[in-house]
Amino acid sequence: MCNFCCTFAPRNGILMKMHYDINNMKWWHAAVIVFLSVAVAALFSSFLNSDFSSMEMFVPFQKKVDFQMTDIYNMMAEEQSEREMSENVVVVGIDNLNREQVLTLIDTILLYEPIAIGLDIYFSIDKADNTALMHTVENTPNMVNIIMVEHDKDRIHYIPDTLSFFYRSLTTVPHSGFANLDVAHSWTVVRTFLPYVCTSAGDTIPNIALELAKIVDPEKAQEAVRRGRSEEIIDFTHSVIDTISAERLANPDVAKRMRGKVVLIGVLKDPKDTYLTPLSEPAPGVLIHAYATQTILQGQYIETRPEWINWTVAVCLCLILICFLLWANVSEKMGYAINLTTRVLMFASLFILVYIGCLTFAQNHIYADYTPAITMLVFGMFAFDIVYAGYGLCRQLVQKK
């Protein structure tokens, strides 16, 4: 008997007569029931596909407004995997340092021969003590200075902004890259970065991560360009970025960890430059740039599976569930155990899907979005209850006539 009948009716009377009639259904009636059930489940799932709120119970409160399946994958990978320290990138914090102290810090970092330096500091106000700092930036060939970009008048292309006095005043800049993050609101979760943006003149402006990669490994940087992706998913979970405060560089054993690596310099504790990420804790902008740089240098990009594959998997799994429910109800071999059995199977399927998604994400760098499959399994069971009960009522009305 259908879940609806088992739950709300005794095994006698009008609903038992309805079930007896359904036992004699034709094959094409069964096909219609399966088709309608899957169609209703797909319809409801499509509405929720862009904002999968039914899984928000598994993510922190501040991420509920902006949630994707990758957030679960990242958090589980962060907690369960044994992540090694990055061999390529180090972050140095400059909280509470003035410009003279920043210059001293850069000189200290240069003593340890980093392969590249990313200066994630945006100076919008010109001051009298800038001459020495500007001279260092201009004469350090492996340093990348940041710029910010903004939309051109056509709202498609980009242009560098002119707020930074560095952009206006530096006579020569060996390397520069933009540091904008894709953040529309305070609750936006940063999951991706733009490798480069295009200007109306046909030129490209590289991301700071891409420009650093050009210095360290030009082939890896060229690979990122050849991929031609408008955005890349940041790999947050396969390594940990070493973070060092400026005060700790006085210890030679700590400072030598910068040797031969990319060193990104920036603020670590500024609330205005801290963003939500798929990780359990918010991250400063400079750390996000470090993970983006690491993603390019490792060359292990997270590939997104095509949407049609996600929906094909969803429809097939829902079809299997509906066929099982129809068989169990019509054959009456499972009796009252059908309610428990179907729910156990559904929750087991949800767990298996999330587990497989985490596994492929962590080991194969593949983002499999099982959101459609999960929603279709949940709605498929309820859709079948409605369609199957409706079919029985229609058969009964026809027979009365």
Protein backbone atom coordinates (compact mmCIF):
# COMPACT_ATOMS: atom_id res chain seq x y z
CA MET A 1 0.00 0.00 0.00
CA CYS A 2 1.23 3.55 -0.62
CA ASN A 3 2.85 5.51 2.19
CA PHE A 4 -0.16 7.79 2.34
CA CYS A 5 -2.56 4.87 2.78
CA CYS A 6 -0.40 3.07 5.31
CA THR A 7 -0.07 6.16 7.44
CA PHE A 8 -3.58 7.55 7.43
CA ALA A 9 -5.93 4.58 6.89
CA PRO A 10 -6.67 1.10 8.29
CA ARG A 11 -6.27 -1.90 6.03
CA ASN A 12 -9.99 -2.22 5.28
CA GLY A 13 -12.82 -0.24 3.74
CA ILE A 14 -12.61 2.06 0.79
CA LEU A 15 -8.81 2.40 0.70
CA MET A 16 -8.34 -1.36 0.79
CA LYS A 17 -10.70 -1.64 -2.16
CA MET A 18 -8.67 1.06 -3.91
CA HIS A 19 -5.45 -0.90 -3.28
CA TYR A 20 -7.04 -4.10 -4.61
CA ASP A 21 -7.92 -2.32 -7.84
CA ILE A 22 -4.43 -0.87 -8.18
CA ASN A 23 -2.97 -4.37 -7.97
CA ASN A 24 -4.58 -4.97 -11.35
CA MET A 25 -3.12 -1.85 -13.03
CA LYS A 26 -1.89 -2.01 -16.59
CA TRP A 27 1.77 -1.54 -17.44
CA TRP A 28 1.23 1.84 -19.03
CA HIS A 29 -0.59 3.01 -15.92
CA ALA A 30 2.53 2.17 -13.94
CA ALA A 31 4.64 4.04 -16.49
CA VAL A 32 2.45 7.13 -16.13
CA ILE A 33 2.73 7.00 -12.33
CA VAL A 34 6.52 6.75 -12.52
CA PHE A 35 6.75 9.52 -15.12
CA LEU A 36 4.52 11.93 -13.21
CA SER A 37 6.29 11.24 -9.91
CA VAL A 38 9.73 11.90 -11.41
CA ALA A 39 8.44 14.98 -13.25
CA VAL A 40 6.95 16.49 -10.08
CA ALA A 41 10.17 15.78 -8.15
CA ALA A 42 12.26 17.37 -10.91
CA LEU A 43 9.99 20.41 -10.99
CA PHE A 44 10.31 21.09 -7.27
CA SER A 45 14.05 20.35 -7.36
CA SER A 46 14.64 22.85 -10.15
CA PHE A 47 13.13 25.60 -7.99
CA LEU A 48 15.52 24.80 -5.16
CA ASN A 49 18.59 24.07 -7.25
CA SER A 50 19.90 27.65 -7.15
CA ASP A 51 19.47 27.97 -3.38
CA PHE A 52 19.65 24.60 -1.65
CA SER A 53 18.31 25.69 1.73
CA SER A 54 17.38 22.19 2.91
CA MET A 55 21.06 21.48 3.71
CA GLU A 56 21.69 24.73 5.59
CA MET A 57 21.50 22.92 8.91
CA PHE A 58 24.97 21.54 8.18
CA VAL A 59 26.70 24.90 7.66
CA PRO A 60 27.50 27.80 10.00
CA PHE A 61 24.76 30.39 10.48
CA GLN A 62 26.60 33.19 8.66
CA LYS A 63 26.79 31.05 5.49
CA LYS A 64 23.10 30.22 5.28
CA VAL A 65 22.36 33.06 2.87
CA ASP A 66 25.10 31.97 0.44
CA PHE A 67 25.55 28.20 0.41
CA GLN A 68 26.78 25.69 -2.14
CA MET A 69 27.54 21.99 -2.00
CA THR A 70 31.28 22.74 -2.14
CA ASP A 71 31.01 24.29 1.33
CA ILE A 72 30.17 20.88 2.81
CA TYR A 73 32.96 19.23 0.81
CA ASN A 74 35.51 21.83 1.94
CA MET A 75 34.50 21.70 5.61
CA MET A 76 34.60 17.89 5.72
CA ALA A 77 37.93 17.79 3.88
CA GLU A 78 39.30 20.43 6.25
CA GLU A 79 38.34 18.38 9.31
CA GLN A 80 39.21 14.89 8.07
CA SER A 81 42.21 15.21 5.76
CA GLU A 82 45.80 15.48 6.97
CA ARG A 83 46.92 18.64 5.22
CA GLU A 84 50.59 19.43 4.76
CA MET A 85 52.14 22.87 4.97
CA SER A 86 52.39 24.58 1.59
CA GLU A 87 55.82 24.30 -0.01
CA ASN A 88 55.21 27.26 -2.28
CA VAL A 89 53.54 30.13 -0.41
CA VAL A 90 54.01 32.00 2.89
CA VAL A 91 51.94 34.90 4.25
CA VAL A 92 53.51 37.63 6.39
CA GLY A 93 51.16 39.82 8.45
CA ILE A 94 51.83 43.55 8.74
CA ASP A 95 49.09 44.53 11.19
CA ASN A 96 49.76 47.87 12.93
CA LEU A 97 52.90 48.65 10.90
CA ASN A 98 53.45 52.08 9.39
CA ARG A 99 55.02 52.60 5.97
CA GLU A 100 58.54 52.96 7.29
CA GLN A 101 58.16 49.69 9.18
CA VAL A 102 56.75 48.04 6.06
CA LEU A 103 59.86 49.11 4.17
CA THR A 104 62.07 47.61 6.89
CA LEU A 105 60.02 44.42 6.74
CA ILE A 106 60.45 44.16 2.96
CA ASP A 107 64.22 44.61 3.33
CA THR A 108 64.25 41.80 5.92
CA ILE A 109 62.22 39.52 3.64
CA LEU A 110 64.59 40.18 0.71
CA LEU A 111 67.52 38.95 2.83
CA TYR A 112 65.97 35.46 2.80
CA GLU A 113 65.74 35.37 -1.01
CA PRO A 114 62.06 34.65 -1.63
CA ILE A 115 61.31 33.63 -5.20
CA ALA A 116 58.57 36.29 -5.43
CA ILE A 117 56.88 38.88 -3.22
CA GLY A 118 53.24 39.90 -3.43
CA LEU A 119 52.57 43.29 -1.86
CA ASP A 120 48.88 43.10 -0.90
CA ILE A 121 48.86 46.64 0.47
CA TYR A 122 46.67 49.34 -1.05
CA PHE A 123 48.00 52.84 -0.41
CA SER A 124 45.33 55.37 -1.33
CA ILE A 125 46.83 58.34 0.53
CA ASP A 126 50.19 59.87 -0.40
CA LYS A 127 52.51 60.70 2.48
CA ALA A 128 55.89 62.32 2.88
CA ASP A 129 57.68 59.08 3.79
CA ASN A 130 56.86 57.25 0.55
CA THR A 131 60.05 57.89 -1.42
CA ALA A 132 62.11 55.02 -0.03
CA LEU A 133 59.17 52.60 -0.19
CA MET A 134 58.39 53.53 -3.79
CA HIS A 135 62.07 53.14 -4.70
CA THR A 136 62.07 49.61 -3.26
CA VAL A 137 58.92 48.65 -5.12
CA GLU A 138 60.27 50.01 -8.40
CA ASN A 139 63.64 48.26 -8.06
CA THR A 140 62.56 44.82 -6.82
CA PRO A 141 62.14 42.76 -10.02
CA ASN A 142 60.31 39.88 -8.36
CA MET A 143 57.75 42.01 -6.50
CA VAL A 144 54.10 42.21 -7.55
CA ASN A 145 52.26 45.38 -6.58
CA ILE A 146 48.47 45.28 -6.39
CA ILE A 147 46.01 47.46 -8.20
CA MET A 148 42.24 47.49 -8.06
CA VAL A 149 40.01 47.28 -11.10
CA GLU A 150 36.52 48.56 -11.75
CA HIS A 151 33.97 48.07 -14.49
CA ASP A 152 34.31 50.14 -17.62
CA LYS A 153 31.34 52.10 -18.94
CA ASP A 154 30.07 49.06 -20.86
CA ARG A 155 29.85 47.08 -17.56
CA ILE A 156 31.60 44.19 -19.33
CA HIS A 157 35.25 45.19 -19.49
CA TYR A 158 37.47 46.52 -16.72
CA ILE A 159 39.82 49.44 -16.17
CA PRO A 160 42.38 50.05 -13.40
CA ASP A 161 41.20 52.53 -10.82
CA THR A 162 43.21 55.66 -10.03
CA LEU A 163 42.76 55.84 -6.27
CA SER A 164 46.13 54.33 -5.40
CA PHE A 165 48.94 56.86 -5.46
CA PHE A 166 51.23 53.92 -6.32
CA TYR A 167 49.41 53.51 -9.62
CA ARG A 168 49.72 57.22 -10.32
CA SER A 169 53.23 57.83 -9.02
CA LEU A 170 55.40 54.81 -9.78
CA THR A 171 57.46 55.38 -12.91
CA THR A 172 58.18 51.69 -13.50
CA VAL A 173 56.39 48.69 -12.03
CA PRO A 174 57.93 45.35 -13.00
CA HIS A 175 54.79 43.42 -12.06
CA SER A 176 51.28 44.32 -10.98
CA GLY A 177 48.05 42.40 -10.53
CA PHE A 178 44.55 43.21 -9.38
CA ALA A 179 43.40 42.10 -5.94
CA ASN A 180 39.61 42.42 -6.24
CA LEU A 181 37.66 39.55 -4.73
CA ASP A 182 34.29 38.45 -6.05
CA VAL A 183 32.29 39.78 -3.10
CA ALA A 184 28.91 41.36 -3.68
CA HIS A 185 27.69 41.43 -0.05
CA SER A 186 29.07 40.91 3.43
CA TRP A 187 27.54 37.43 3.49
CA THR A 188 29.05 36.39 0.13
CA VAL A 189 31.32 33.35 0.41
CA VAL A 190 34.55 33.63 -1.59
CA ARG A 191 35.02 30.34 -3.46
CA THR A 192 36.58 31.46 -6.74
CA PHE A 193 39.01 33.96 -8.20
CA LEU A 194 39.28 35.63 -11.60
CA PRO A 195 42.63 34.72 -13.23
CA TYR A 196 42.45 37.86 -15.37
CA VAL A 197 40.03 40.47 -16.65
CA CYS A 198 39.81 42.09 -20.08
CA THR A 199 39.90 45.75 -21.02
CA SER A 200 37.93 47.36 -23.82
CA ALA A 201 41.19 47.68 -25.76
CA GLY A 202 41.60 43.92 -25.84
CA ASP A 203 44.34 43.76 -23.20
CA THR A 204 44.21 41.66 -20.05
CA ILE A 205 44.91 42.61 -16.45
CA PRO A 206 46.17 39.62 -14.43
CA ASN A 207 45.15 38.65 -10.94
CA ILE A 208 47.91 39.04 -8.35
CA ALA A 209 47.97 35.23 -8.03
CA LEU A 210 48.49 34.79 -11.77
CA GLU A 211 51.20 37.46 -11.88
CA LEU A 212 53.07 35.80 -9.01
CA ALA A 213 52.82 32.48 -10.83
CA LYS A 214 54.37 34.07 -13.95
CA ILE A 215 57.49 34.83 -11.89
CA VAL A 216 57.67 31.47 -10.13
CA ASP A 217 56.57 29.07 -12.86
CA PRO A 218 55.70 30.62 -16.24
CA GLU A 219 54.46 27.29 -17.58
CA LYS A 220 51.92 26.94 -14.75
CA ALA A 221 50.80 30.51 -15.31
CA GLN A 222 50.40 29.86 -19.03
CA GLU A 223 48.37 26.75 -18.24
CA ALA A 224 45.97 28.89 -16.19
CA VAL A 225 45.57 31.25 -19.15
CA ARG A 226 45.14 28.41 -21.67
CA ARG A 227 42.28 26.98 -19.63
CA GLY A 228 40.33 30.08 -20.57
CA ARG A 229 38.10 29.98 -17.51
CA SER A 230 36.42 33.21 -16.45
CA GLU A 231 36.86 32.02 -12.86
CA GLU A 232 38.60 29.18 -11.06
CA ILE A 233 37.60 27.41 -7.85
CA ILE A 234 40.15 28.08 -5.10
CA ASP A 235 41.68 24.95 -3.59
CA PHE A 236 41.42 25.67 0.14
CA THR A 237 41.76 22.18 1.56
CA HIS A 238 44.75 20.32 0.12
CA SER A 239 47.44 22.32 1.93
CA VAL A 240 47.82 24.84 4.75
CA ILE A 241 49.35 28.26 4.11
CA ASP A 242 52.11 29.16 6.57
CA THR A 243 51.23 32.47 8.26
CA ILE A 244 53.91 34.51 10.03
CA SER A 245 53.49 37.79 11.91
CA ALA A 246 56.02 40.57 11.29
CA GLU A 247 57.26 40.36 14.89
CA ARG A 248 58.24 36.70 14.50
CA LEU A 249 60.61 37.46 11.62
CA ALA A 250 63.16 38.54 14.23
CA ASN A 251 63.65 34.81 14.84
CA PRO A 252 65.96 33.46 12.09
CA ASP A 253 64.46 29.97 12.36
CA VAL A 254 61.06 31.41 11.55
CA ALA A 255 62.29 33.82 8.88
CA LYS A 256 64.10 31.12 6.91
CA ARG A 257 60.74 29.53 6.14
CA MET A 258 60.39 32.25 3.48
CA ARG A 259 63.47 31.18 1.54
CA GLY A 260 62.69 30.15 -2.03
CA LYS A 261 58.94 30.67 -1.61
CA VAL A 262 56.29 33.16 -2.66
CA VAL A 263 55.79 35.65 0.18
CA LEU A 264 52.54 37.57 0.30
CA ILE A 265 52.54 40.63 2.57
CA GLY A 266 49.25 41.93 3.92
CA VAL A 267 46.96 42.62 6.84
CA LEU A 268 45.62 39.60 8.73
CA LYS A 269 43.31 41.14 11.33
CA ASP A 270 41.40 43.88 9.53
CA PRO A 271 37.62 43.19 9.74
CA LYS A 272 37.11 45.19 6.53
CA ASP A 273 39.45 42.82 4.69
CA THR A 274 38.10 39.56 6.13
CA TYR A 275 35.75 37.37 4.12
CA LEU A 276 33.67 34.23 4.44
CA THR A 277 35.18 31.19 2.75
CA PRO A 278 34.25 27.50 2.54
CA LEU A 279 36.61 26.97 5.47
CA SER A 280 35.28 26.88 9.01
CA GLU A 281 36.66 30.36 9.81
CA PRO A 282 36.63 33.62 7.81
CA ALA A 283 39.92 34.45 6.10
CA PRO A 284 41.78 37.73 5.40
CA GLY A 285 42.08 38.79 1.78
CA VAL A 286 45.83 38.18 1.63
CA LEU A 287 45.32 34.56 2.72
CA ILE A 288 42.71 34.05 0.00
CA HIS A 289 45.22 35.38 -2.56
CA ALA A 290 47.76 32.93 -1.15
CA TYR A 291 45.41 29.99 -1.67
CA ALA A 292 44.66 31.21 -5.21
CA THR A 293 48.40 31.39 -5.92
CA GLN A 294 48.83 27.91 -4.50
CA THR A 295 46.04 26.63 -6.74
CA ILE A 296 47.83 27.88 -9.87
CA LEU A 297 51.28 26.67 -8.81
CA GLN A 298 50.02 23.19 -7.93
CA GLY A 299 48.16 22.96 -11.22
CA GLN A 300 45.53 20.77 -9.57
CA TYR A 301 42.43 22.66 -10.55
CA ILE A 302 39.03 21.68 -9.22
CA GLU A 303 36.98 20.65 -12.22
CA THR A 304 33.24 21.26 -12.21
CA ARG A 305 31.14 18.47 -13.62
CA PRO A 306 28.68 19.57 -16.34
CA GLU A 307 25.19 20.42 -15.15
CA TRP A 308 23.54 17.87 -17.44
CA ILE A 309 25.49 15.07 -15.74
CA ASN A 310 24.30 16.22 -12.32
CA TRP A 311 20.68 16.19 -13.47
CA THR A 312 21.09 12.85 -15.26
CA VAL A 313 22.33 11.27 -12.03
CA ALA A 314 19.45 12.92 -10.15
CA VAL A 315 16.77 11.63 -12.54
CA CYS A 316 18.21 8.10 -12.61
CA LEU A 317 18.36 7.83 -8.82
CA CYS A 318 14.86 9.24 -8.46
CA LEU A 319 13.61 6.82 -11.12
CA ILE A 320 15.07 3.87 -9.20
CA LEU A 321 13.43 5.08 -5.98
CA ILE A 322 10.02 5.56 -7.63
CA CYS A 323 10.16 2.12 -9.31
CA PHE A 324 11.00 0.52 -5.98
CA LEU A 325 8.13 2.32 -4.25
CA LEU A 326 5.70 1.25 -6.96
CA TRP A 327 6.85 -2.36 -6.82
CA ALA A 328 6.67 -2.45 -3.02
CA ASN A 329 3.16 -0.99 -2.96
CA VAL A 330 1.68 -3.06 -5.78
CA SER A 331 3.27 -6.38 -4.83
CA GLU A 332 2.34 -5.88 -1.16
CA LYS A 333 5.32 -8.07 -0.19
CA MET A 334 6.71 -5.60 2.31
CA GLY A 335 3.49 -4.79 4.13
CA TYR A 336 3.74 -2.07 6.72
CA ALA A 337 7.57 -2.15 6.62
CA ILE A 338 7.51 -0.12 3.43
CA ASN A 339 7.45 3.23 5.27
CA LEU A 340 10.53 2.43 7.33
CA THR A 341 12.35 0.74 4.47
CA THR A 342 11.88 3.59 2.00
CA ARG A 343 13.00 6.22 4.49
CA VAL A 344 16.06 4.21 5.48
CA LEU A 345 16.96 3.79 1.82
CA MET A 346 16.46 7.48 1.14
CA PHE A 347 18.65 8.67 4.03
CA ALA A 348 21.27 6.04 3.18
CA SER A 349 21.29 7.36 -0.39
CA LEU A 350 21.73 10.94 0.84
CA PHE A 351 24.67 9.92 3.01
CA ILE A 352 26.29 7.95 0.19
CA LEU A 353 25.91 10.88 -2.22
CA VAL A 354 27.55 13.33 0.18
CA TYR A 355 30.32 10.82 0.94
CA ILE A 356 31.03 10.21 -2.75
CA GLY A 357 30.99 13.96 -3.38
CA CYS A 358 33.51 14.58 -0.60
CA LEU A 359 35.69 11.70 -1.82
CA THR A 360 35.84 12.87 -5.43
CA PHE A 361 36.41 16.45 -4.29
CA ALA A 362 39.27 15.58 -1.93
CA GLN A 363 41.03 12.92 -4.00
CA ASN A 364 40.19 13.69 -7.64
CA HIS A 365 39.65 17.47 -7.52
CA ILE A 366 36.21 17.07 -9.07
CA TYR A 367 33.24 19.08 -7.86
CA ALA A 368 30.20 16.86 -8.25
CA ASP A 369 27.10 18.87 -7.39
CA TYR A 370 24.64 16.35 -5.98
CA THR A 371 22.17 19.05 -4.99
CA PRO A 372 19.67 18.02 -7.73
CA ALA A 373 20.00 14.34 -6.77
CA ILE A 374 19.43 14.99 -3.08
CA THR A 375 16.40 17.22 -3.64
CA MET A 376 14.90 14.82 -6.19
CA LEU A 377 15.23 11.88 -3.80
CA VAL A 378 13.53 13.84 -1.03
CA PHE A 379 10.73 15.17 -3.22
CA GLY A 380 10.45 11.92 -5.20
CA MET A 381 9.06 10.01 -2.23
CA PHE A 382 6.41 12.64 -1.52
CA ALA A 383 5.60 13.04 -5.20
CA PHE A 384 4.99 9.30 -5.48
CA ASP A 385 2.67 9.34 -2.47
CA ILE A 386 0.57 12.06 -4.08
CA VAL A 387 0.51 10.57 -7.60
CA TYR A 388 -0.12 7.00 -6.42
CA ALA A 389 -2.97 8.00 -4.09
CA GLY A 390 -4.44 10.22 -6.82
CA TYR A 391 -4.32 7.35 -9.30
CA GLY A 392 -6.18 5.07 -6.89
CA LEU A 393 -8.91 7.64 -6.32
CA CYS A 394 -9.32 8.15 -10.06
CA ARG A 395 -9.63 4.39 -10.63
CA GLN A 396 -12.26 4.17 -7.94
CA LEU A 397 -14.29 7.04 -9.41
CA VAL A 398 -14.16 5.45 -12.86
CA GLN A 399 -15.32 2.08 -11.55
CA LYS A 400 -18.28 3.68 -9.70
CA LYS A 401 -19.51 5.12 -12.97
